[in-house]
Amino acid sequence: MIEPAKIQIRFADLDILGHVNNNVYLSYFEMARVHYFRYLLGKDYDWKKNGVVLVKNSIEYLKPLYLNDDVRITMYVEEIGNKSFTLGYELTVNDEVRTLGSSTLVAFDSITHQSKEINEDMMRALKMLTSE
C-alpha cells in the first residue's frame, strides 16, 4: 500500500481569511499525482513518450485548510478507459475528509503531439490504485 501524499501548506497558499485559497488545491492534487506515479512508475519513466495531459478537474470543498494542518492526500482510480482515466483524491487532516476532487487525464505522446492508448506500464500502475 502506498502512503498518502503529505502536503506542506505554505504561507503563500493562504488567502485573506487565513485558509488555503481555492486555486491552490489543484497544485496539491498535482503533488499527489507526482508522489504516487513516482512510486508506481519510477523515476526513469518516459513522460515525453508515455505522458498524460490533464483535461478536467473537479473539486468539492468540504472544510477549509489552515496553515498548520497536517494534510494527507490519498489518490485512487475512479475510471479507466482505453486512452483516458479519472483519478480521485481524498484530502484529509487527522483522518477527517476536508476536500474531495477528481482529475481526468488522457494518455499523450508529447513527441508526436497525439493522444494514444494507455501503455502497459501506466495501465499496471492504475490498476494498483484501484485495489488500494
N, C-alpha and C. Protein backbone atom coordinates (compact mmCIF):
# COMPACT_ATOMS: atom_id res chain seq x y z
N MET A 1 0.84 -1.18 0.00
CA MET A 1 0.00 0.00 0.00
C MET A 1 0.89 1.25 0.00
N ILE A 2 0.52 2.21 -0.80
CA ILE A 2 1.27 3.45 -0.91
C ILE A 2 0.80 4.41 0.17
N GLU A 3 1.76 5.01 0.84
CA GLU A 3 1.41 6.03 1.84
C GLU A 3 0.79 7.23 1.14
N PRO A 4 -0.23 7.84 1.74
CA PRO A 4 -0.79 9.07 1.15
C PRO A 4 0.28 10.15 1.01
N ALA A 5 0.07 11.03 0.05
CA ALA A 5 1.00 12.15 -0.15
C ALA A 5 0.86 13.13 1.00
N LYS A 6 1.97 13.55 1.55
CA LYS A 6 1.98 14.54 2.63
C LYS A 6 2.18 15.91 1.98
N ILE A 7 1.30 16.84 2.30
CA ILE A 7 1.35 18.17 1.72
C ILE A 7 1.70 19.18 2.80
N GLN A 8 2.69 20.01 2.52
CA GLN A 8 3.06 21.09 3.44
C GLN A 8 2.39 22.37 2.96
N ILE A 9 1.57 22.93 3.81
CA ILE A 9 0.90 24.20 3.47
C ILE A 9 1.90 25.33 3.68
N ARG A 10 2.03 26.17 2.66
CA ARG A 10 2.93 27.32 2.73
C ARG A 10 2.11 28.57 3.07
N PHE A 11 2.76 29.54 3.67
CA PHE A 11 2.09 30.80 3.99
C PHE A 11 1.50 31.43 2.73
N ALA A 12 2.21 31.30 1.62
CA ALA A 12 1.75 31.87 0.34
C ALA A 12 0.48 31.19 -0.18
N ASP A 13 0.11 30.02 0.36
CA ASP A 13 -1.10 29.31 -0.06
C ASP A 13 -2.36 29.92 0.54
N LEU A 14 -2.20 30.78 1.54
CA LEU A 14 -3.35 31.29 2.30
C LEU A 14 -3.95 32.53 1.65
N ASP A 15 -5.24 32.71 1.89
CA ASP A 15 -5.91 33.92 1.41
C ASP A 15 -6.13 34.87 2.59
N ILE A 16 -6.85 35.94 2.36
CA ILE A 16 -7.05 36.96 3.39
C ILE A 16 -7.81 36.44 4.61
N LEU A 17 -8.56 35.34 4.44
CA LEU A 17 -9.30 34.74 5.55
C LEU A 17 -8.44 33.79 6.39
N GLY A 18 -7.20 33.55 5.93
CA GLY A 18 -6.31 32.69 6.69
C GLY A 18 -6.43 31.22 6.37
N HIS A 19 -7.20 30.87 5.35
CA HIS A 19 -7.25 29.47 4.95
C HIS A 19 -6.72 29.31 3.54
N VAL A 20 -6.46 28.06 3.14
CA VAL A 20 -5.87 27.80 1.83
C VAL A 20 -6.82 28.28 0.74
N ASN A 21 -6.27 29.07 -0.19
CA ASN A 21 -7.06 29.60 -1.29
C ASN A 21 -7.52 28.48 -2.21
N ASN A 22 -8.71 28.62 -2.76
CA ASN A 22 -9.31 27.56 -3.57
C ASN A 22 -8.44 27.15 -4.76
N ASN A 23 -7.70 28.06 -5.36
CA ASN A 23 -6.91 27.69 -6.54
C ASN A 23 -5.67 26.87 -6.23
N VAL A 24 -5.26 26.80 -4.98
CA VAL A 24 -4.06 26.07 -4.60
C VAL A 24 -4.30 24.56 -4.56
N TYR A 25 -5.53 24.14 -4.38
CA TYR A 25 -5.86 22.73 -4.27
C TYR A 25 -5.41 21.94 -5.51
N LEU A 26 -5.49 22.56 -6.69
CA LEU A 26 -5.07 21.86 -7.90
C LEU A 26 -3.58 21.55 -7.86
N SER A 27 -2.79 22.43 -7.27
CA SER A 27 -1.36 22.15 -7.08
C SER A 27 -1.16 20.99 -6.12
N TYR A 28 -1.98 20.94 -5.08
CA TYR A 28 -1.88 19.83 -4.13
C TYR A 28 -2.21 18.50 -4.82
N PHE A 29 -3.23 18.51 -5.68
CA PHE A 29 -3.57 17.28 -6.41
C PHE A 29 -2.43 16.87 -7.34
N GLU A 30 -1.79 17.86 -7.96
CA GLU A 30 -0.65 17.57 -8.83
C GLU A 30 0.49 16.95 -8.01
N MET A 31 0.74 17.47 -6.82
CA MET A 31 1.77 16.90 -5.94
C MET A 31 1.44 15.46 -5.60
N ALA A 32 0.18 15.18 -5.38
CA ALA A 32 -0.24 13.80 -5.08
C ALA A 32 0.02 12.89 -6.28
N ARG A 33 -0.30 13.37 -7.49
CA ARG A 33 -0.05 12.56 -8.68
C ARG A 33 1.45 12.25 -8.83
N VAL A 34 2.29 13.26 -8.63
CA VAL A 34 3.74 13.05 -8.72
C VAL A 34 4.19 12.03 -7.67
N HIS A 35 3.71 12.17 -6.46
CA HIS A 35 4.05 11.25 -5.37
C HIS A 35 3.70 9.81 -5.73
N TYR A 36 2.47 9.58 -6.16
CA TYR A 36 2.01 8.23 -6.47
C TYR A 36 2.70 7.66 -7.71
N PHE A 37 2.78 8.46 -8.78
CA PHE A 37 3.37 7.93 -10.01
C PHE A 37 4.87 7.70 -9.88
N ARG A 38 5.56 8.50 -9.08
CA ARG A 38 6.99 8.24 -8.85
C ARG A 38 7.15 6.88 -8.18
N TYR A 39 6.28 6.58 -7.24
CA TYR A 39 6.34 5.29 -6.55
C TYR A 39 5.97 4.15 -7.50
N LEU A 40 4.91 4.33 -8.28
CA LEU A 40 4.40 3.25 -9.14
C LEU A 40 5.18 3.06 -10.43
N LEU A 41 5.70 4.14 -11.01
CA LEU A 41 6.35 4.06 -12.31
C LEU A 41 7.87 4.27 -12.25
N GLY A 42 8.36 4.78 -11.15
CA GLY A 42 9.79 5.01 -11.01
C GLY A 42 10.23 6.34 -11.60
N LYS A 43 11.46 6.70 -11.30
CA LYS A 43 12.00 7.99 -11.74
C LYS A 43 12.38 8.00 -13.21
N ASP A 44 12.57 6.83 -13.82
CA ASP A 44 13.04 6.77 -15.20
C ASP A 44 11.91 6.59 -16.22
N TYR A 45 10.67 6.68 -15.79
CA TYR A 45 9.55 6.56 -16.72
C TYR A 45 9.63 7.65 -17.78
N ASP A 46 9.37 7.32 -19.03
CA ASP A 46 9.47 8.27 -20.14
C ASP A 46 8.17 9.05 -20.29
N TRP A 47 8.09 10.19 -19.60
CA TRP A 47 6.87 11.01 -19.61
C TRP A 47 6.65 11.72 -20.95
N LYS A 48 7.71 11.91 -21.73
CA LYS A 48 7.53 12.55 -23.04
C LYS A 48 6.83 11.62 -24.01
N LYS A 49 7.24 10.37 -24.03
CA LYS A 49 6.65 9.39 -24.94
C LYS A 49 5.35 8.81 -24.39
N ASN A 50 5.29 8.63 -23.10
CA ASN A 50 4.15 7.96 -22.46
C ASN A 50 3.52 8.83 -21.38
N GLY A 51 3.36 10.09 -21.68
CA GLY A 51 2.84 11.02 -20.70
C GLY A 51 1.32 11.12 -20.68
N VAL A 52 0.86 12.15 -20.04
CA VAL A 52 -0.57 12.42 -19.92
C VAL A 52 -0.80 13.92 -20.03
N VAL A 53 -1.99 14.28 -20.44
CA VAL A 53 -2.42 15.67 -20.37
C VAL A 53 -3.70 15.72 -19.55
N LEU A 54 -3.81 16.77 -18.79
CA LEU A 54 -4.96 16.98 -17.92
C LEU A 54 -6.07 17.64 -18.72
N VAL A 55 -7.28 17.07 -18.67
CA VAL A 55 -8.38 17.64 -19.45
C VAL A 55 -9.54 18.14 -18.59
N LYS A 56 -9.58 17.72 -17.32
CA LYS A 56 -10.70 18.15 -16.47
C LYS A 56 -10.34 17.98 -15.00
N ASN A 57 -10.74 18.95 -14.18
CA ASN A 57 -10.61 18.87 -12.73
C ASN A 57 -11.95 19.17 -12.09
N SER A 58 -12.18 18.57 -10.94
CA SER A 58 -13.37 18.85 -10.14
C SER A 58 -12.96 18.86 -8.67
N ILE A 59 -13.48 19.84 -7.93
CA ILE A 59 -13.14 19.95 -6.51
C ILE A 59 -14.41 20.20 -5.70
N GLU A 60 -14.53 19.49 -4.59
CA GLU A 60 -15.62 19.73 -3.64
C GLU A 60 -14.97 20.12 -2.32
N TYR A 61 -15.14 21.38 -1.93
CA TYR A 61 -14.55 21.91 -0.70
C TYR A 61 -15.52 21.64 0.45
N LEU A 62 -15.12 20.79 1.38
CA LEU A 62 -15.99 20.43 2.50
C LEU A 62 -15.71 21.28 3.73
N LYS A 63 -14.43 21.43 4.06
CA LYS A 63 -13.99 22.26 5.19
C LYS A 63 -12.67 22.90 4.81
N PRO A 64 -12.38 24.09 5.33
CA PRO A 64 -11.14 24.77 4.96
C PRO A 64 -9.89 24.11 5.55
N LEU A 65 -8.76 24.44 4.92
CA LEU A 65 -7.44 24.05 5.42
C LEU A 65 -6.75 25.29 5.97
N TYR A 66 -5.98 25.09 7.03
CA TYR A 66 -5.25 26.18 7.66
C TYR A 66 -3.75 25.88 7.68
N LEU A 67 -2.96 26.89 7.93
CA LEU A 67 -1.51 26.83 7.80
C LEU A 67 -0.87 25.64 8.52
N ASN A 68 -1.26 25.34 9.72
CA ASN A 68 -0.60 24.27 10.49
C ASN A 68 -1.28 22.91 10.38
N ASP A 69 -2.24 22.77 9.47
CA ASP A 69 -2.89 21.47 9.29
C ASP A 69 -1.91 20.43 8.73
N ASP A 70 -2.04 19.21 9.20
CA ASP A 70 -1.23 18.08 8.73
C ASP A 70 -2.04 17.38 7.63
N VAL A 71 -1.77 17.77 6.38
CA VAL A 71 -2.58 17.36 5.24
C VAL A 71 -2.02 16.10 4.58
N ARG A 72 -2.91 15.17 4.25
CA ARG A 72 -2.57 13.95 3.51
C ARG A 72 -3.56 13.83 2.35
N ILE A 73 -3.06 13.36 1.21
CA ILE A 73 -3.94 13.13 0.07
C ILE A 73 -3.80 11.68 -0.37
N THR A 74 -4.93 10.99 -0.38
CA THR A 74 -5.00 9.64 -0.92
C THR A 74 -5.53 9.76 -2.34
N MET A 75 -4.86 9.10 -3.26
CA MET A 75 -5.28 9.12 -4.67
C MET A 75 -5.70 7.71 -5.08
N TYR A 76 -6.74 7.64 -5.88
CA TYR A 76 -7.25 6.35 -6.33
C TYR A 76 -7.82 6.53 -7.74
N VAL A 77 -8.07 5.42 -8.41
CA VAL A 77 -8.63 5.46 -9.75
C VAL A 77 -10.15 5.33 -9.68
N GLU A 78 -10.84 6.25 -10.32
CA GLU A 78 -12.29 6.19 -10.41
C GLU A 78 -12.74 5.45 -11.67
N GLU A 79 -12.00 5.65 -12.77
CA GLU A 79 -12.40 5.06 -14.05
C GLU A 79 -11.18 4.95 -14.97
N ILE A 80 -11.12 3.85 -15.73
CA ILE A 80 -10.06 3.66 -16.73
C ILE A 80 -10.72 3.34 -18.07
N GLY A 81 -10.32 4.09 -19.10
CA GLY A 81 -10.76 3.80 -20.47
C GLY A 81 -9.57 3.33 -21.28
N ASN A 82 -9.68 3.39 -22.62
CA ASN A 82 -8.57 2.99 -23.49
C ASN A 82 -7.49 4.07 -23.57
N LYS A 83 -7.91 5.35 -23.62
CA LYS A 83 -6.97 6.45 -23.75
C LYS A 83 -7.00 7.41 -22.56
N SER A 84 -7.99 7.30 -21.72
CA SER A 84 -8.11 8.25 -20.61
C SER A 84 -8.43 7.52 -19.31
N PHE A 85 -8.22 8.26 -18.22
CA PHE A 85 -8.56 7.72 -16.90
C PHE A 85 -8.89 8.89 -15.98
N THR A 86 -9.66 8.58 -14.94
CA THR A 86 -10.04 9.58 -13.97
C THR A 86 -9.52 9.16 -12.60
N LEU A 87 -8.80 10.09 -11.98
CA LEU A 87 -8.26 9.88 -10.64
C LEU A 87 -9.12 10.61 -9.62
N GLY A 88 -9.29 10.01 -8.46
CA GLY A 88 -9.99 10.65 -7.37
C GLY A 88 -9.01 10.99 -6.26
N TYR A 89 -9.33 12.04 -5.51
CA TYR A 89 -8.48 12.49 -4.42
C TYR A 89 -9.33 12.67 -3.16
N GLU A 90 -8.77 12.25 -2.05
CA GLU A 90 -9.39 12.48 -0.75
C GLU A 90 -8.35 13.18 0.11
N LEU A 91 -8.60 14.43 0.41
CA LEU A 91 -7.68 15.25 1.19
C LEU A 91 -8.17 15.23 2.64
N THR A 92 -7.29 14.79 3.54
CA THR A 92 -7.69 14.66 4.95
C THR A 92 -6.73 15.40 5.87
N VAL A 93 -7.26 15.77 7.04
CA VAL A 93 -6.49 16.30 8.15
C VAL A 93 -6.92 15.50 9.37
N ASN A 94 -5.96 14.79 9.97
CA ASN A 94 -6.27 13.93 11.13
C ASN A 94 -7.44 13.00 10.85
N ASP A 95 -7.41 12.36 9.69
CA ASP A 95 -8.42 11.39 9.24
C ASP A 95 -9.80 12.00 8.98
N GLU A 96 -9.91 13.31 8.99
CA GLU A 96 -11.17 13.98 8.66
C GLU A 96 -11.09 14.45 7.21
N VAL A 97 -12.06 14.03 6.40
CA VAL A 97 -12.07 14.44 4.99
C VAL A 97 -12.43 15.92 4.90
N ARG A 98 -11.54 16.69 4.27
CA ARG A 98 -11.75 18.13 4.12
C ARG A 98 -12.09 18.52 2.68
N THR A 99 -11.59 17.74 1.72
CA THR A 99 -11.79 18.08 0.31
C THR A 99 -11.81 16.79 -0.50
N LEU A 100 -12.68 16.76 -1.51
CA LEU A 100 -12.72 15.67 -2.47
C LEU A 100 -12.44 16.26 -3.85
N GLY A 101 -11.80 15.50 -4.70
CA GLY A 101 -11.52 16.01 -6.04
C GLY A 101 -11.35 14.90 -7.04
N SER A 102 -11.30 15.27 -8.30
CA SER A 102 -11.02 14.31 -9.36
C SER A 102 -10.35 15.02 -10.53
N SER A 103 -9.60 14.26 -11.29
CA SER A 103 -8.93 14.75 -12.49
C SER A 103 -9.06 13.71 -13.58
N THR A 104 -9.40 14.15 -14.77
CA THR A 104 -9.42 13.26 -15.93
C THR A 104 -8.18 13.57 -16.76
N LEU A 105 -7.44 12.53 -17.09
CA LEU A 105 -6.21 12.68 -17.86
C LEU A 105 -6.27 11.79 -19.10
N VAL A 106 -5.60 12.22 -20.15
CA VAL A 106 -5.55 11.47 -21.40
C VAL A 106 -4.10 11.10 -21.68
N ALA A 107 -3.87 9.84 -22.06
CA ALA A 107 -2.53 9.40 -22.44
C ALA A 107 -2.10 10.20 -23.67
N PHE A 108 -0.84 10.68 -23.64
CA PHE A 108 -0.41 11.61 -24.67
C PHE A 108 1.07 11.44 -24.97
N ASP A 109 1.40 11.44 -26.24
CA ASP A 109 2.79 11.40 -26.70
C ASP A 109 3.19 12.82 -27.06
N SER A 110 4.03 13.44 -26.22
CA SER A 110 4.39 14.83 -26.47
C SER A 110 5.42 14.98 -27.57
N ILE A 111 5.95 13.88 -28.08
CA ILE A 111 6.86 13.94 -29.22
C ILE A 111 6.05 14.07 -30.51
N THR A 112 4.98 13.25 -30.63
CA THR A 112 4.13 13.30 -31.83
C THR A 112 2.93 14.23 -31.65
N HIS A 113 2.70 14.70 -30.42
CA HIS A 113 1.57 15.57 -30.09
C HIS A 113 0.22 14.92 -30.41
N GLN A 114 0.10 13.66 -30.00
CA GLN A 114 -1.15 12.93 -30.24
C GLN A 114 -1.54 12.13 -29.00
N SER A 115 -2.86 12.00 -28.84
CA SER A 115 -3.33 11.10 -27.78
C SER A 115 -3.02 9.67 -28.22
N LYS A 116 -2.99 8.79 -27.26
CA LYS A 116 -2.65 7.40 -27.55
C LYS A 116 -3.32 6.50 -26.53
N GLU A 117 -3.27 5.22 -26.76
CA GLU A 117 -3.81 4.29 -25.77
C GLU A 117 -2.88 4.27 -24.56
N ILE A 118 -3.46 4.01 -23.41
CA ILE A 118 -2.68 3.92 -22.18
C ILE A 118 -1.71 2.75 -22.31
N ASN A 119 -0.42 2.99 -22.08
CA ASN A 119 0.56 1.91 -22.24
C ASN A 119 0.49 0.91 -21.08
N GLU A 120 1.19 -0.21 -21.24
CA GLU A 120 1.12 -1.29 -20.25
C GLU A 120 1.60 -0.88 -18.87
N ASP A 121 2.70 -0.13 -18.80
CA ASP A 121 3.24 0.29 -17.50
C ASP A 121 2.24 1.18 -16.76
N MET A 122 1.67 2.15 -17.47
CA MET A 122 0.69 3.04 -16.85
C MET A 122 -0.56 2.26 -16.44
N MET A 123 -1.01 1.36 -17.31
CA MET A 123 -2.20 0.56 -17.00
C MET A 123 -1.97 -0.27 -15.74
N ARG A 124 -0.80 -0.85 -15.62
CA ARG A 124 -0.47 -1.65 -14.43
C ARG A 124 -0.49 -0.76 -13.18
N ALA A 125 0.09 0.44 -13.30
CA ALA A 125 0.10 1.38 -12.18
C ALA A 125 -1.31 1.79 -11.79
N LEU A 126 -2.13 2.08 -12.78
CA LEU A 126 -3.51 2.49 -12.50
C LEU A 126 -4.28 1.37 -11.82
N LYS A 127 -4.08 0.14 -12.27
CA LYS A 127 -4.78 -0.99 -11.66
C LYS A 127 -4.36 -1.21 -10.21
N MET A 128 -3.12 -0.84 -9.89
CA MET A 128 -2.68 -0.93 -8.49
C MET A 128 -3.43 0.08 -7.64
N LEU A 129 -3.83 1.18 -8.22
CA LEU A 129 -4.57 2.21 -7.47
C LEU A 129 -6.05 1.88 -7.35
N THR A 130 -6.54 0.93 -8.11
CA THR A 130 -7.95 0.54 -7.99
C THR A 130 -8.16 -0.43 -6.83
N SER A 131 -7.08 -1.08 -6.39
CA SER A 131 -7.21 -2.06 -5.30
C SER A 131 -6.78 -1.52 -3.96
N GLU A 132 -6.45 -0.21 -3.90
CA GLU A 132 -6.00 0.39 -2.65
C GLU A 132 -7.10 0.35 -1.62
